[in-house]
Amino acid sequence: MMTKSMLIVKFGGSSIASPDLHKWVQAIEKTTRPLVVVPGGGPFANTVRQFQTRIGYDGEAAYRMALLAMEQFGHALVALGQKLVPARTLEAIESAQARGFVPVWMPYEMISSSEGVEHNWNVTSDSVAAWLAARLPGSPLCLIKQIDVPAGSSLQAISAAGVVDPSFVAFLHPSTRVYVAGPSDLAVSGRRFGEGVVPGREVSSEQPHTAFAEAAQ
């Protein structure tokens, strides 16, 4: 049976352009608790979006291609790590963790045929990560971003500011605690992962925090 104390780490595709990419991979691999990585789409998804109007494929095709874009970044992460392995199902995730590896979830198989998921650009990799977290109630979700959110930020505020996509909040399970880890968290993230602690700042489900609204302007 899948453990419910798993940590879900959404690794933003924007990290591809960051010089800290390898450092984040190294930090994640220091985890001492069951952890699964959800890769973002990054430039691979951007290419899907860019060529949609040029080629003329519909939203359904773009949605499926964007899921495959997440898998492309996922394979890149696996190649960069020492303990990262691809996993497509909950059973494969659990098996990898039991063998001492860190699974990188390849989402296409599980989510492409899921009901209740819009097949459009309102659902990005952030919402896909929230969807997985909802399958594991009680598991915290950490979003690795290229931005530091102010302490006291709310889910509504980060959604309004575009830090997460418009569907993210709706996909969250009420028991899911959300954290955002930015550049300032990297220096201590390896130690925190090693201690089984979630890096970054917890984001509340309360009303938007004025500090975030001001910082986002």
N, C-alpha and C. Protein backbone atom coordinates (compact mmCIF):
# COMPACT_ATOMS: atom_id res chain seq x y z
N MET A 1 0.85 -1.20 0.00
CA MET A 1 0.00 0.00 0.00
C MET A 1 0.88 1.25 0.00
N MET A 2 0.51 2.25 -0.80
CA MET A 2 1.31 3.46 -0.92
C MET A 2 1.33 4.25 0.39
N THR A 3 2.52 4.63 0.80
CA THR A 3 2.63 5.42 2.02
C THR A 3 2.01 6.80 1.84
N LYS A 4 1.45 7.34 2.91
CA LYS A 4 0.81 8.65 2.83
C LYS A 4 1.73 9.74 3.39
N SER A 5 2.96 9.38 3.78
CA SER A 5 3.89 10.38 4.28
C SER A 5 4.87 10.82 3.20
N MET A 6 4.57 10.47 1.96
CA MET A 6 5.44 10.80 0.84
C MET A 6 5.49 12.31 0.62
N LEU A 7 6.65 12.79 0.20
CA LEU A 7 6.80 14.19 -0.19
C LEU A 7 6.77 14.27 -1.71
N ILE A 8 5.92 15.13 -2.23
CA ILE A 8 5.81 15.33 -3.67
C ILE A 8 6.52 16.64 -4.01
N VAL A 9 7.53 16.56 -4.88
CA VAL A 9 8.32 17.74 -5.25
C VAL A 9 8.09 18.04 -6.72
N LYS A 10 7.42 19.15 -7.00
CA LYS A 10 7.25 19.60 -8.38
C LYS A 10 8.49 20.42 -8.76
N PHE A 11 9.25 19.92 -9.72
CA PHE A 11 10.49 20.55 -10.16
C PHE A 11 10.18 21.40 -11.38
N GLY A 12 10.07 22.70 -11.19
CA GLY A 12 9.67 23.60 -12.26
C GLY A 12 10.57 23.53 -13.48
N GLY A 13 9.95 23.48 -14.66
CA GLY A 13 10.72 23.41 -15.89
C GLY A 13 11.56 24.65 -16.14
N SER A 14 11.20 25.76 -15.50
CA SER A 14 11.99 26.98 -15.66
C SER A 14 13.39 26.82 -15.07
N SER A 15 13.57 25.79 -14.24
CA SER A 15 14.87 25.52 -13.64
C SER A 15 15.91 25.12 -14.68
N ILE A 16 15.44 24.73 -15.87
CA ILE A 16 16.36 24.30 -16.92
C ILE A 16 17.37 25.41 -17.23
N ALA A 17 16.91 26.65 -17.19
CA ALA A 17 17.77 27.78 -17.54
C ALA A 17 18.58 28.29 -16.35
N SER A 18 18.40 27.67 -15.19
CA SER A 18 19.07 28.14 -13.99
C SER A 18 20.42 27.44 -13.79
N PRO A 19 21.43 28.17 -13.36
CA PRO A 19 22.71 27.53 -13.05
C PRO A 19 22.63 26.62 -11.82
N ASP A 20 21.52 26.70 -11.10
CA ASP A 20 21.34 25.91 -9.89
C ASP A 20 20.66 24.56 -10.14
N LEU A 21 20.39 24.23 -11.40
CA LEU A 21 19.67 23.00 -11.73
C LEU A 21 20.32 21.78 -11.10
N HIS A 22 21.62 21.61 -11.31
CA HIS A 22 22.30 20.43 -10.78
C HIS A 22 22.32 20.43 -9.25
N LYS A 23 22.41 21.60 -8.64
CA LYS A 23 22.41 21.68 -7.18
C LYS A 23 21.07 21.23 -6.61
N TRP A 24 19.98 21.58 -7.29
CA TRP A 24 18.66 21.14 -6.83
C TRP A 24 18.54 19.61 -6.93
N VAL A 25 19.04 19.05 -8.03
CA VAL A 25 19.01 17.60 -8.19
C VAL A 25 19.79 16.93 -7.06
N GLN A 26 20.96 17.45 -6.76
CA GLN A 26 21.78 16.89 -5.69
C GLN A 26 21.08 17.01 -4.33
N ALA A 27 20.40 18.13 -4.11
CA ALA A 27 19.69 18.33 -2.84
C ALA A 27 18.55 17.33 -2.71
N ILE A 28 17.79 17.14 -3.77
CA ILE A 28 16.66 16.21 -3.74
C ILE A 28 17.12 14.79 -3.43
N GLU A 29 18.26 14.42 -4.01
CA GLU A 29 18.74 13.05 -3.82
C GLU A 29 19.24 12.78 -2.40
N LYS A 30 19.30 13.80 -1.56
CA LYS A 30 19.69 13.60 -0.17
C LYS A 30 18.49 13.25 0.72
N THR A 31 17.31 13.14 0.13
CA THR A 31 16.11 12.88 0.91
C THR A 31 16.21 11.60 1.73
N THR A 32 15.67 11.66 2.93
CA THR A 32 15.61 10.48 3.78
C THR A 32 14.18 10.00 3.98
N ARG A 33 13.26 10.59 3.25
CA ARG A 33 11.86 10.16 3.33
C ARG A 33 11.41 9.81 1.92
N PRO A 34 10.35 9.03 1.77
CA PRO A 34 9.83 8.73 0.43
C PRO A 34 9.50 10.02 -0.31
N LEU A 35 10.01 10.15 -1.50
CA LEU A 35 9.84 11.38 -2.28
C LEU A 35 9.63 11.03 -3.74
N VAL A 36 8.74 11.76 -4.40
CA VAL A 36 8.54 11.60 -5.84
C VAL A 36 8.65 12.97 -6.50
N VAL A 37 9.37 13.03 -7.60
CA VAL A 37 9.56 14.26 -8.35
C VAL A 37 8.53 14.33 -9.48
N VAL A 38 7.88 15.48 -9.59
CA VAL A 38 6.99 15.75 -10.73
C VAL A 38 7.69 16.78 -11.60
N PRO A 39 8.11 16.42 -12.80
CA PRO A 39 8.83 17.37 -13.65
C PRO A 39 7.91 18.39 -14.31
N GLY A 40 8.40 19.60 -14.48
CA GLY A 40 7.65 20.59 -15.24
C GLY A 40 7.87 20.39 -16.74
N GLY A 41 7.21 21.22 -17.53
CA GLY A 41 7.35 21.10 -18.97
C GLY A 41 8.45 21.97 -19.55
N GLY A 42 8.68 23.13 -18.91
CA GLY A 42 9.74 24.02 -19.33
C GLY A 42 9.71 24.37 -20.80
N PRO A 43 10.87 24.48 -21.43
CA PRO A 43 10.94 24.86 -22.84
C PRO A 43 10.32 23.84 -23.77
N PHE A 44 10.21 22.59 -23.31
CA PHE A 44 9.57 21.56 -24.13
C PHE A 44 8.08 21.86 -24.29
N ALA A 45 7.43 22.26 -23.20
CA ALA A 45 6.02 22.64 -23.27
C ALA A 45 5.85 23.96 -24.01
N ASN A 46 6.80 24.87 -23.83
CA ASN A 46 6.74 26.14 -24.55
C ASN A 46 6.78 25.93 -26.06
N THR A 47 7.52 24.94 -26.49
CA THR A 47 7.58 24.63 -27.92
C THR A 47 6.23 24.12 -28.41
N VAL A 48 5.58 23.30 -27.60
CA VAL A 48 4.23 22.83 -27.96
C VAL A 48 3.28 24.01 -28.13
N ARG A 49 3.34 24.93 -27.19
CA ARG A 49 2.47 26.11 -27.24
C ARG A 49 2.81 26.99 -28.45
N GLN A 50 4.10 27.17 -28.71
CA GLN A 50 4.55 28.03 -29.79
C GLN A 50 4.09 27.54 -31.17
N PHE A 51 4.12 26.24 -31.35
CA PHE A 51 3.82 25.70 -32.67
C PHE A 51 2.35 25.31 -32.85
N GLN A 52 1.54 25.47 -31.80
CA GLN A 52 0.14 25.09 -31.91
C GLN A 52 -0.57 25.90 -32.99
N THR A 53 -0.41 27.21 -32.95
CA THR A 53 -1.07 28.05 -33.95
C THR A 53 -0.39 27.91 -35.31
N ARG A 54 0.91 27.70 -35.31
CA ARG A 54 1.64 27.61 -36.57
C ARG A 54 1.27 26.34 -37.34
N ILE A 55 1.15 25.22 -36.62
CA ILE A 55 0.84 23.95 -37.28
C ILE A 55 -0.67 23.73 -37.35
N GLY A 56 -1.36 24.14 -36.26
CA GLY A 56 -2.82 24.04 -36.26
C GLY A 56 -3.40 22.85 -35.54
N TYR A 57 -2.61 22.17 -34.68
CA TYR A 57 -3.21 21.07 -33.93
C TYR A 57 -4.10 21.62 -32.83
N ASP A 58 -5.10 20.82 -32.45
CA ASP A 58 -6.13 21.30 -31.53
C ASP A 58 -5.67 21.20 -30.08
N GLY A 59 -6.55 21.65 -29.16
CA GLY A 59 -6.23 21.66 -27.74
C GLY A 59 -5.98 20.29 -27.17
N GLU A 60 -6.69 19.29 -27.65
CA GLU A 60 -6.49 17.93 -27.17
C GLU A 60 -5.08 17.44 -27.49
N ALA A 61 -4.65 17.67 -28.71
CA ALA A 61 -3.29 17.27 -29.10
C ALA A 61 -2.25 18.04 -28.30
N ALA A 62 -2.48 19.35 -28.12
CA ALA A 62 -1.54 20.17 -27.37
C ALA A 62 -1.43 19.69 -25.93
N TYR A 63 -2.56 19.33 -25.33
CA TYR A 63 -2.57 18.85 -23.95
C TYR A 63 -1.72 17.59 -23.81
N ARG A 64 -1.93 16.64 -24.71
CA ARG A 64 -1.18 15.39 -24.64
C ARG A 64 0.30 15.62 -24.93
N MET A 65 0.60 16.51 -25.85
CA MET A 65 1.99 16.83 -26.15
C MET A 65 2.67 17.51 -24.96
N ALA A 66 1.91 18.34 -24.23
CA ALA A 66 2.46 19.02 -23.06
C ALA A 66 2.78 18.01 -21.95
N LEU A 67 1.94 16.99 -21.80
CA LEU A 67 2.25 15.93 -20.83
C LEU A 67 3.53 15.20 -21.21
N LEU A 68 3.69 14.98 -22.50
CA LEU A 68 4.93 14.34 -22.97
C LEU A 68 6.12 15.27 -22.80
N ALA A 69 5.88 16.58 -22.86
CA ALA A 69 6.95 17.54 -22.60
C ALA A 69 7.45 17.41 -21.16
N MET A 70 6.52 17.18 -20.22
CA MET A 70 6.92 16.94 -18.84
C MET A 70 7.81 15.71 -18.75
N GLU A 71 7.47 14.69 -19.52
CA GLU A 71 8.27 13.47 -19.50
C GLU A 71 9.65 13.71 -20.09
N GLN A 72 9.74 14.60 -21.07
CA GLN A 72 11.06 14.93 -21.63
C GLN A 72 11.97 15.53 -20.56
N PHE A 73 11.45 16.49 -19.81
CA PHE A 73 12.25 17.06 -18.73
C PHE A 73 12.53 16.01 -17.67
N GLY A 74 11.55 15.14 -17.43
CA GLY A 74 11.75 14.07 -16.47
C GLY A 74 12.92 13.17 -16.83
N HIS A 75 13.03 12.81 -18.10
CA HIS A 75 14.16 11.99 -18.54
C HIS A 75 15.47 12.74 -18.41
N ALA A 76 15.44 14.05 -18.65
CA ALA A 76 16.64 14.86 -18.47
C ALA A 76 17.09 14.84 -17.02
N LEU A 77 16.14 14.97 -16.09
CA LEU A 77 16.48 14.94 -14.67
C LEU A 77 17.06 13.59 -14.27
N VAL A 78 16.46 12.52 -14.77
CA VAL A 78 16.98 11.18 -14.48
C VAL A 78 18.44 11.07 -14.91
N ALA A 79 18.75 11.62 -16.08
CA ALA A 79 20.11 11.55 -16.61
C ALA A 79 21.09 12.37 -15.77
N LEU A 80 20.59 13.42 -15.10
CA LEU A 80 21.46 14.28 -14.30
C LEU A 80 21.73 13.69 -12.91
N GLY A 81 20.83 12.85 -12.44
CA GLY A 81 20.94 12.33 -11.08
C GLY A 81 21.66 11.00 -10.98
N GLN A 82 21.88 10.59 -9.74
CA GLN A 82 22.48 9.30 -9.44
C GLN A 82 21.45 8.31 -8.90
N LYS A 83 20.38 8.86 -8.32
CA LYS A 83 19.37 8.00 -7.69
C LYS A 83 17.99 8.16 -8.34
N LEU A 84 17.87 9.04 -9.32
CA LEU A 84 16.58 9.29 -9.96
C LEU A 84 16.26 8.21 -10.99
N VAL A 85 15.02 7.73 -10.96
CA VAL A 85 14.58 6.72 -11.93
C VAL A 85 13.17 7.08 -12.41
N PRO A 86 12.81 6.78 -13.66
CA PRO A 86 11.47 7.08 -14.15
C PRO A 86 10.43 6.12 -13.56
N ALA A 87 9.22 6.63 -13.33
CA ALA A 87 8.13 5.80 -12.81
C ALA A 87 6.81 6.32 -13.38
N ARG A 88 5.96 5.42 -13.87
CA ARG A 88 4.73 5.84 -14.54
C ARG A 88 3.46 5.60 -13.73
N THR A 89 3.52 4.74 -12.74
CA THR A 89 2.34 4.40 -11.95
C THR A 89 2.64 4.54 -10.46
N LEU A 90 1.58 4.53 -9.65
CA LEU A 90 1.78 4.59 -8.20
C LEU A 90 2.57 3.38 -7.72
N GLU A 91 2.31 2.22 -8.33
CA GLU A 91 3.03 1.01 -7.95
C GLU A 91 4.51 1.13 -8.28
N ALA A 92 4.81 1.72 -9.44
CA ALA A 92 6.22 1.90 -9.83
C ALA A 92 6.91 2.92 -8.93
N ILE A 93 6.17 3.95 -8.51
CA ILE A 93 6.72 4.94 -7.59
C ILE A 93 7.09 4.27 -6.26
N GLU A 94 6.17 3.48 -5.74
CA GLU A 94 6.41 2.80 -4.47
C GLU A 94 7.56 1.80 -4.59
N SER A 95 7.64 1.09 -5.69
CA SER A 95 8.70 0.12 -5.89
C SER A 95 10.06 0.80 -5.92
N ALA A 96 10.15 1.93 -6.63
CA ALA A 96 11.42 2.66 -6.71
C ALA A 96 11.86 3.13 -5.33
N GLN A 97 10.92 3.65 -4.55
CA GLN A 97 11.24 4.13 -3.21
C GLN A 97 11.71 2.99 -2.32
N ALA A 98 11.06 1.83 -2.44
CA ALA A 98 11.43 0.67 -1.62
C ALA A 98 12.84 0.19 -1.94
N ARG A 99 13.31 0.46 -3.16
CA ARG A 99 14.65 0.04 -3.58
C ARG A 99 15.69 1.13 -3.34
N GLY A 100 15.29 2.22 -2.69
CA GLY A 100 16.23 3.27 -2.34
C GLY A 100 16.45 4.31 -3.41
N PHE A 101 15.57 4.33 -4.42
CA PHE A 101 15.68 5.32 -5.49
C PHE A 101 14.66 6.44 -5.29
N VAL A 102 14.84 7.50 -6.05
CA VAL A 102 13.90 8.62 -6.05
C VAL A 102 13.16 8.61 -7.39
N PRO A 103 11.88 8.27 -7.40
CA PRO A 103 11.16 8.19 -8.67
C PRO A 103 10.84 9.56 -9.25
N VAL A 104 10.95 9.65 -10.56
CA VAL A 104 10.51 10.83 -11.31
C VAL A 104 9.26 10.39 -12.07
N TRP A 105 8.14 10.99 -11.71
CA TRP A 105 6.86 10.55 -12.28
C TRP A 105 6.72 11.00 -13.72
N MET A 106 6.42 10.03 -14.59
CA MET A 106 6.10 10.30 -15.98
C MET A 106 4.57 10.26 -16.10
N PRO A 107 3.90 11.41 -16.21
CA PRO A 107 2.47 11.51 -15.94
C PRO A 107 1.52 11.04 -17.04
N TYR A 108 2.01 10.88 -18.26
CA TYR A 108 1.09 10.68 -19.38
C TYR A 108 0.14 9.51 -19.15
N GLU A 109 0.66 8.37 -18.76
CA GLU A 109 -0.16 7.17 -18.63
C GLU A 109 -1.30 7.34 -17.63
N MET A 110 -1.01 7.96 -16.48
CA MET A 110 -2.02 8.05 -15.44
C MET A 110 -3.06 9.14 -15.68
N ILE A 111 -2.62 10.29 -16.19
CA ILE A 111 -3.52 11.44 -16.21
C ILE A 111 -4.17 11.71 -17.56
N SER A 112 -3.63 11.17 -18.64
CA SER A 112 -4.15 11.52 -19.97
C SER A 112 -5.59 11.09 -20.17
N SER A 113 -6.00 10.01 -19.51
CA SER A 113 -7.37 9.53 -19.65
C SER A 113 -8.22 9.82 -18.42
N SER A 114 -7.69 10.62 -17.50
CA SER A 114 -8.43 10.91 -16.27
C SER A 114 -9.61 11.85 -16.53
N GLU A 115 -10.73 11.53 -15.93
CA GLU A 115 -11.90 12.39 -16.05
C GLU A 115 -11.76 13.57 -15.10
N GLY A 116 -12.38 14.68 -15.45
CA GLY A 116 -12.37 15.86 -14.60
C GLY A 116 -11.15 16.73 -14.77
N VAL A 117 -10.32 16.46 -15.77
CA VAL A 117 -9.14 17.27 -16.03
C VAL A 117 -9.32 17.96 -17.38
N GLU A 118 -9.36 19.29 -17.35
CA GLU A 118 -9.50 20.04 -18.59
C GLU A 118 -8.29 19.83 -19.49
N HIS A 119 -8.54 19.65 -20.76
CA HIS A 119 -7.44 19.46 -21.71
C HIS A 119 -7.15 20.78 -22.40
N ASN A 120 -6.60 21.71 -21.62
CA ASN A 120 -6.25 23.02 -22.17
C ASN A 120 -5.09 23.60 -21.35
N TRP A 121 -4.71 24.83 -21.69
CA TRP A 121 -3.53 25.43 -21.07
C TRP A 121 -3.79 25.97 -19.67
N ASN A 122 -5.04 25.87 -19.18
CA ASN A 122 -5.30 26.22 -17.78
C ASN A 122 -4.75 25.17 -16.84
N VAL A 123 -4.47 23.98 -17.37
CA VAL A 123 -3.92 22.89 -16.57
C VAL A 123 -2.47 22.68 -17.00
N THR A 124 -1.55 23.18 -16.19
CA THR A 124 -0.13 23.01 -16.47
C THR A 124 0.45 21.98 -15.50
N SER A 125 1.76 21.86 -15.50
CA SER A 125 2.40 20.87 -14.65
C SER A 125 2.17 21.11 -13.16
N ASP A 126 1.90 22.35 -12.76
CA ASP A 126 1.57 22.61 -11.35
C ASP A 126 0.29 21.88 -10.96
N SER A 127 -0.73 21.99 -11.81
CA SER A 127 -1.99 21.31 -11.53
C SER A 127 -1.84 19.79 -11.62
N VAL A 128 -0.99 19.34 -12.53
CA VAL A 128 -0.73 17.90 -12.62
C VAL A 128 -0.12 17.39 -11.31
N ALA A 129 0.78 18.18 -10.74
CA ALA A 129 1.37 17.80 -9.44
C ALA A 129 0.31 17.80 -8.35
N ALA A 130 -0.59 18.79 -8.38
CA ALA A 130 -1.67 18.84 -7.40
C ALA A 130 -2.60 17.64 -7.57
N TRP A 131 -2.83 17.23 -8.81
CA TRP A 131 -3.66 16.05 -9.11
C TRP A 131 -3.04 14.81 -8.48
N LEU A 132 -1.72 14.65 -8.61
CA LEU A 132 -1.06 13.50 -8.00
C LEU A 132 -1.15 13.57 -6.48
N ALA A 133 -0.95 14.76 -5.93
CA ALA A 133 -1.03 14.92 -4.47
C ALA A 133 -2.41 14.55 -3.95
N ALA A 134 -3.44 14.83 -4.75
CA ALA A 134 -4.81 14.48 -4.34
C ALA A 134 -5.02 12.98 -4.31
N ARG A 135 -4.20 12.21 -5.05
CA ARG A 135 -4.28 10.75 -5.01
C ARG A 135 -3.62 10.21 -3.75
N LEU A 136 -2.86 11.08 -3.06
CA LEU A 136 -2.13 10.69 -1.85
C LEU A 136 -2.45 11.67 -0.73
N PRO A 137 -3.68 11.67 -0.25
CA PRO A 137 -4.09 12.66 0.77
C PRO A 137 -3.16 12.66 1.97
N GLY A 138 -2.79 13.86 2.40
CA GLY A 138 -1.90 13.99 3.54
C GLY A 138 -0.45 14.16 3.15
N SER A 139 -0.12 13.95 1.86
CA SER A 139 1.26 14.12 1.41
C SER A 139 1.51 15.58 1.07
N PRO A 140 2.56 16.18 1.62
CA PRO A 140 2.85 17.59 1.30
C PRO A 140 3.36 17.73 -0.12
N LEU A 141 3.14 18.91 -0.68
CA LEU A 141 3.56 19.23 -2.04
C LEU A 141 4.49 20.43 -2.00
N CYS A 142 5.71 20.25 -2.50
CA CYS A 142 6.70 21.33 -2.56
C CYS A 142 6.92 21.73 -4.00
N LEU A 143 6.73 23.01 -4.30
CA LEU A 143 6.93 23.53 -5.64
C LEU A 143 8.28 24.24 -5.70
N ILE A 144 9.20 23.73 -6.51
CA ILE A 144 10.49 24.40 -6.70
C ILE A 144 10.32 25.42 -7.82
N LYS A 145 10.48 26.71 -7.46
CA LYS A 145 10.26 27.80 -8.40
C LYS A 145 11.50 28.68 -8.50
N GLN A 146 11.52 29.50 -9.51
CA GLN A 146 12.61 30.47 -9.68
C GLN A 146 12.19 31.82 -9.09
N ILE A 147 11.44 31.77 -8.01
CA ILE A 147 10.99 32.98 -7.32
C ILE A 147 10.83 32.65 -5.84
N ASP A 148 11.16 33.62 -4.99
CA ASP A 148 10.94 33.48 -3.55
C ASP A 148 9.63 34.17 -3.21
N VAL A 149 8.71 33.43 -2.63
CA VAL A 149 7.45 34.05 -2.23
C VAL A 149 7.58 34.58 -0.80
N PRO A 150 6.97 35.70 -0.51
CA PRO A 150 7.04 36.26 0.84
C PRO A 150 6.39 35.35 1.88
N ALA A 151 6.89 35.40 3.09
CA ALA A 151 6.28 34.65 4.18
C ALA A 151 4.83 35.10 4.34
N GLY A 152 3.95 34.16 4.59
CA GLY A 152 2.55 34.48 4.78
C GLY A 152 1.74 34.52 3.50
N SER A 153 2.34 34.16 2.38
CA SER A 153 1.61 34.16 1.11
C SER A 153 0.49 33.12 1.13
N SER A 154 -0.55 33.37 0.35
CA SER A 154 -1.69 32.46 0.29
C SER A 154 -1.76 31.79 -1.07
N LEU A 155 -2.51 30.71 -1.12
CA LEU A 155 -2.73 30.02 -2.39
C LEU A 155 -3.40 30.95 -3.39
N GLN A 156 -4.35 31.72 -2.92
CA GLN A 156 -5.06 32.64 -3.81
C GLN A 156 -4.11 33.69 -4.38
N ALA A 157 -3.18 34.16 -3.56
CA ALA A 157 -2.26 35.20 -4.00
C ALA A 157 -1.28 34.67 -5.04
N ILE A 158 -0.71 33.48 -4.81
CA ILE A 158 0.25 32.97 -5.78
C ILE A 158 -0.44 32.58 -7.08
N SER A 159 -1.72 32.21 -6.99
CA SER A 159 -2.47 31.93 -8.21
C SER A 159 -2.74 33.20 -8.99
N ALA A 160 -3.16 34.25 -8.28
CA ALA A 160 -3.45 35.53 -8.94
C ALA A 160 -2.21 36.13 -9.56
N ALA A 161 -1.04 35.87 -8.96
CA ALA A 161 0.21 36.43 -9.46
C ALA A 161 0.82 35.58 -10.58
N GLY A 162 0.19 34.45 -10.89
CA GLY A 162 0.69 33.61 -11.96
C GLY A 162 1.83 32.69 -11.57
N VAL A 163 2.10 32.55 -10.27
CA VAL A 163 3.14 31.64 -9.81
C VAL A 163 2.72 30.19 -10.06
N VAL A 164 1.40 29.93 -9.95
CA VAL A 164 0.82 28.65 -10.33
C VAL A 164 -0.30 28.92 -11.33
N ASP A 165 -0.74 27.88 -12.01
CA ASP A 165 -1.76 28.08 -13.04
C ASP A 165 -3.15 28.26 -12.44
N PRO A 166 -4.14 28.72 -13.24
CA PRO A 166 -5.47 29.03 -12.70
C PRO A 166 -6.21 27.84 -12.12
N SER A 167 -5.84 26.63 -12.50
CA SER A 167 -6.55 25.44 -12.02
C SER A 167 -5.93 24.81 -10.78
N PHE A 168 -4.79 25.30 -10.37
CA PHE A 168 -4.02 24.65 -9.32
C PHE A 168 -4.82 24.47 -8.03
N VAL A 169 -5.40 25.55 -7.55
CA VAL A 169 -6.11 25.50 -6.26
C VAL A 169 -7.26 24.51 -6.30
N ALA A 170 -7.97 24.46 -7.42
CA ALA A 170 -9.13 23.57 -7.55
C ALA A 170 -8.72 22.10 -7.50
N PHE A 171 -7.51 21.79 -7.91
CA PHE A 171 -7.06 20.40 -7.92
C PHE A 171 -6.55 19.94 -6.57
N LEU A 172 -6.27 20.86 -5.67
CA LEU A 172 -5.69 20.49 -4.38
C LEU A 172 -6.68 19.75 -3.49
N HIS A 173 -6.20 18.73 -2.81
CA HIS A 173 -6.99 18.06 -1.78
C HIS A 173 -6.93 18.93 -0.52
N PRO A 174 -8.01 19.01 0.25
CA PRO A 174 -8.02 19.85 1.46
C PRO A 174 -6.88 19.54 2.44
N SER A 175 -6.39 18.30 2.42
CA SER A 175 -5.34 17.93 3.37
C SER A 175 -3.94 18.23 2.86
N THR A 176 -3.81 18.67 1.61
CA THR A 176 -2.48 18.89 1.03
C THR A 176 -1.88 20.21 1.50
N ARG A 177 -0.73 20.13 2.16
CA ARG A 177 -0.01 21.33 2.56
C ARG A 177 0.97 21.69 1.45
N VAL A 178 0.95 22.95 1.04
CA VAL A 178 1.74 23.40 -0.11
C VAL A 178 2.89 24.29 0.36
N TYR A 179 4.07 24.03 -0.19
CA TYR A 179 5.26 24.82 0.10
C TYR A 179 5.85 25.30 -1.23
N VAL A 180 6.47 26.47 -1.21
CA VAL A 180 7.18 26.98 -2.38
C VAL A 180 8.63 27.20 -1.98
N ALA A 181 9.54 26.53 -2.69
CA ALA A 181 10.97 26.68 -2.44
C ALA A 181 11.58 27.47 -3.59
N GLY A 182 12.24 28.57 -3.27
CA GLY A 182 12.84 29.43 -4.28
C GLY A 182 14.35 29.45 -4.17
N PRO A 183 15.00 30.34 -4.91
CA PRO A 183 16.47 30.41 -4.92
C PRO A 183 17.10 30.57 -3.54
N SER A 184 16.45 31.32 -2.66
CA SER A 184 17.04 31.55 -1.33
C SER A 184 17.00 30.31 -0.45
N ASP A 185 16.21 29.31 -0.84
CA ASP A 185 16.10 28.08 -0.05
C ASP A 185 17.12 27.03 -0.45
N LEU A 186 17.78 27.23 -1.59
CA LEU A 186 18.66 26.19 -2.11
C LEU A 186 19.80 25.85 -1.17
N ALA A 187 20.40 26.85 -0.54
CA ALA A 187 21.59 26.62 0.29
C ALA A 187 21.33 25.62 1.42
N VAL A 188 20.11 25.59 1.95
CA VAL A 188 19.81 24.69 3.07
C VAL A 188 18.91 23.53 2.66
N SER A 189 18.56 23.47 1.38
CA SER A 189 17.59 22.46 0.95
C SER A 189 18.13 21.04 1.08
N GLY A 190 19.42 20.85 0.79
CA GLY A 190 19.99 19.51 0.92
C GLY A 190 19.90 19.01 2.35
N ARG A 191 20.23 19.89 3.29
CA ARG A 191 20.14 19.51 4.71
C ARG A 191 18.70 19.23 5.11
N ARG A 192 17.77 20.06 4.63
CA ARG A 192 16.37 19.87 5.00
C ARG A 192 15.82 18.58 4.39
N PHE A 193 16.15 18.31 3.13
CA PHE A 193 15.72 17.04 2.54
C PHE A 193 16.31 15.87 3.32
N GLY A 194 17.58 16.02 3.73
CA GLY A 194 18.25 14.97 4.49
C GLY A 194 17.63 14.73 5.85
N GLU A 195 17.02 15.77 6.40
CA GLU A 195 16.34 15.65 7.70
C GLU A 195 14.88 15.23 7.55
N GLY A 196 14.46 15.07 6.30
CA GLY A 196 13.06 14.70 6.06
C GLY A 196 12.11 15.85 6.19
N VAL A 197 12.65 17.08 6.11
CA VAL A 197 11.85 18.30 6.27
C VAL A 197 11.61 18.93 4.90
N VAL A 198 10.45 19.54 4.72
CA VAL A 198 10.12 20.18 3.45
C VAL A 198 10.80 21.55 3.39
N PRO A 199 11.57 21.82 2.35
CA PRO A 199 12.20 23.15 2.22
C PRO A 199 11.18 24.18 1.73
N GLY A 200 11.53 25.45 1.89
CA GLY A 200 10.66 26.51 1.38
C GLY A 200 9.68 27.03 2.40
N ARG A 201 8.77 27.87 1.93
CA ARG A 201 7.75 28.49 2.79
C ARG A 201 6.40 27.84 2.55
N GLU A 202 5.70 27.55 3.64
CA GLU A 202 4.36 27.01 3.48
C GLU A 202 3.42 28.12 3.03
N VAL A 203 2.53 27.77 2.11
CA VAL A 203 1.56 28.71 1.56
C VAL A 203 0.20 28.39 2.16
N SER A 204 -0.44 29.38 2.75
CA SER A 204 -1.71 29.15 3.43
C SER A 204 -2.87 29.13 2.45
N SER A 205 -3.99 28.63 2.91
CA SER A 205 -5.21 28.62 2.10
C SER A 205 -6.11 29.78 2.47
N GLU A 206 -5.57 30.73 3.22
CA GLU A 206 -6.35 31.89 3.65
C GLU A 206 -6.40 32.92 2.54
N GLN A 207 -6.97 34.06 2.83
CA GLN A 207 -7.10 35.11 1.83
C GLN A 207 -5.73 35.65 1.42
N PRO A 208 -5.62 36.24 0.22
CA PRO A 208 -4.33 36.73 -0.27
C PRO A 208 -3.62 37.63 0.73
N HIS A 209 -2.32 37.46 0.81
CA HIS A 209 -1.50 38.25 1.72
C HIS A 209 -1.03 39.51 0.99
N THR A 210 -1.19 40.64 1.64
CA THR A 210 -0.87 41.91 0.96
C THR A 210 0.61 42.00 0.58
N ALA A 211 1.47 41.37 1.37
CA ALA A 211 2.90 41.43 1.07
C ALA A 211 3.20 40.79 -0.28
N PHE A 212 2.52 39.68 -0.57
CA PHE A 212 2.75 39.03 -1.85
C PHE A 212 2.18 39.86 -2.98
N ALA A 213 1.00 40.42 -2.77
CA ALA A 213 0.37 41.23 -3.81
C ALA A 213 1.26 42.42 -4.18
N GLU A 214 1.88 43.02 -3.16
CA GLU A 214 2.76 44.16 -3.42
C GLU A 214 4.04 43.72 -4.11
N ALA A 215 4.58 42.55 -3.70
CA ALA A 215 5.82 42.08 -4.31
C ALA A 215 5.62 41.66 -5.75
N ALA A 216 4.40 41.23 -6.08
CA ALA A 216 4.11 40.75 -7.43
C ALA A 216 3.88 41.88 -8.41
N GLN A 217 3.68 43.09 -7.91
CA GLN A 217 3.41 44.22 -8.79
C GLN A 217 4.68 44.74 -9.45
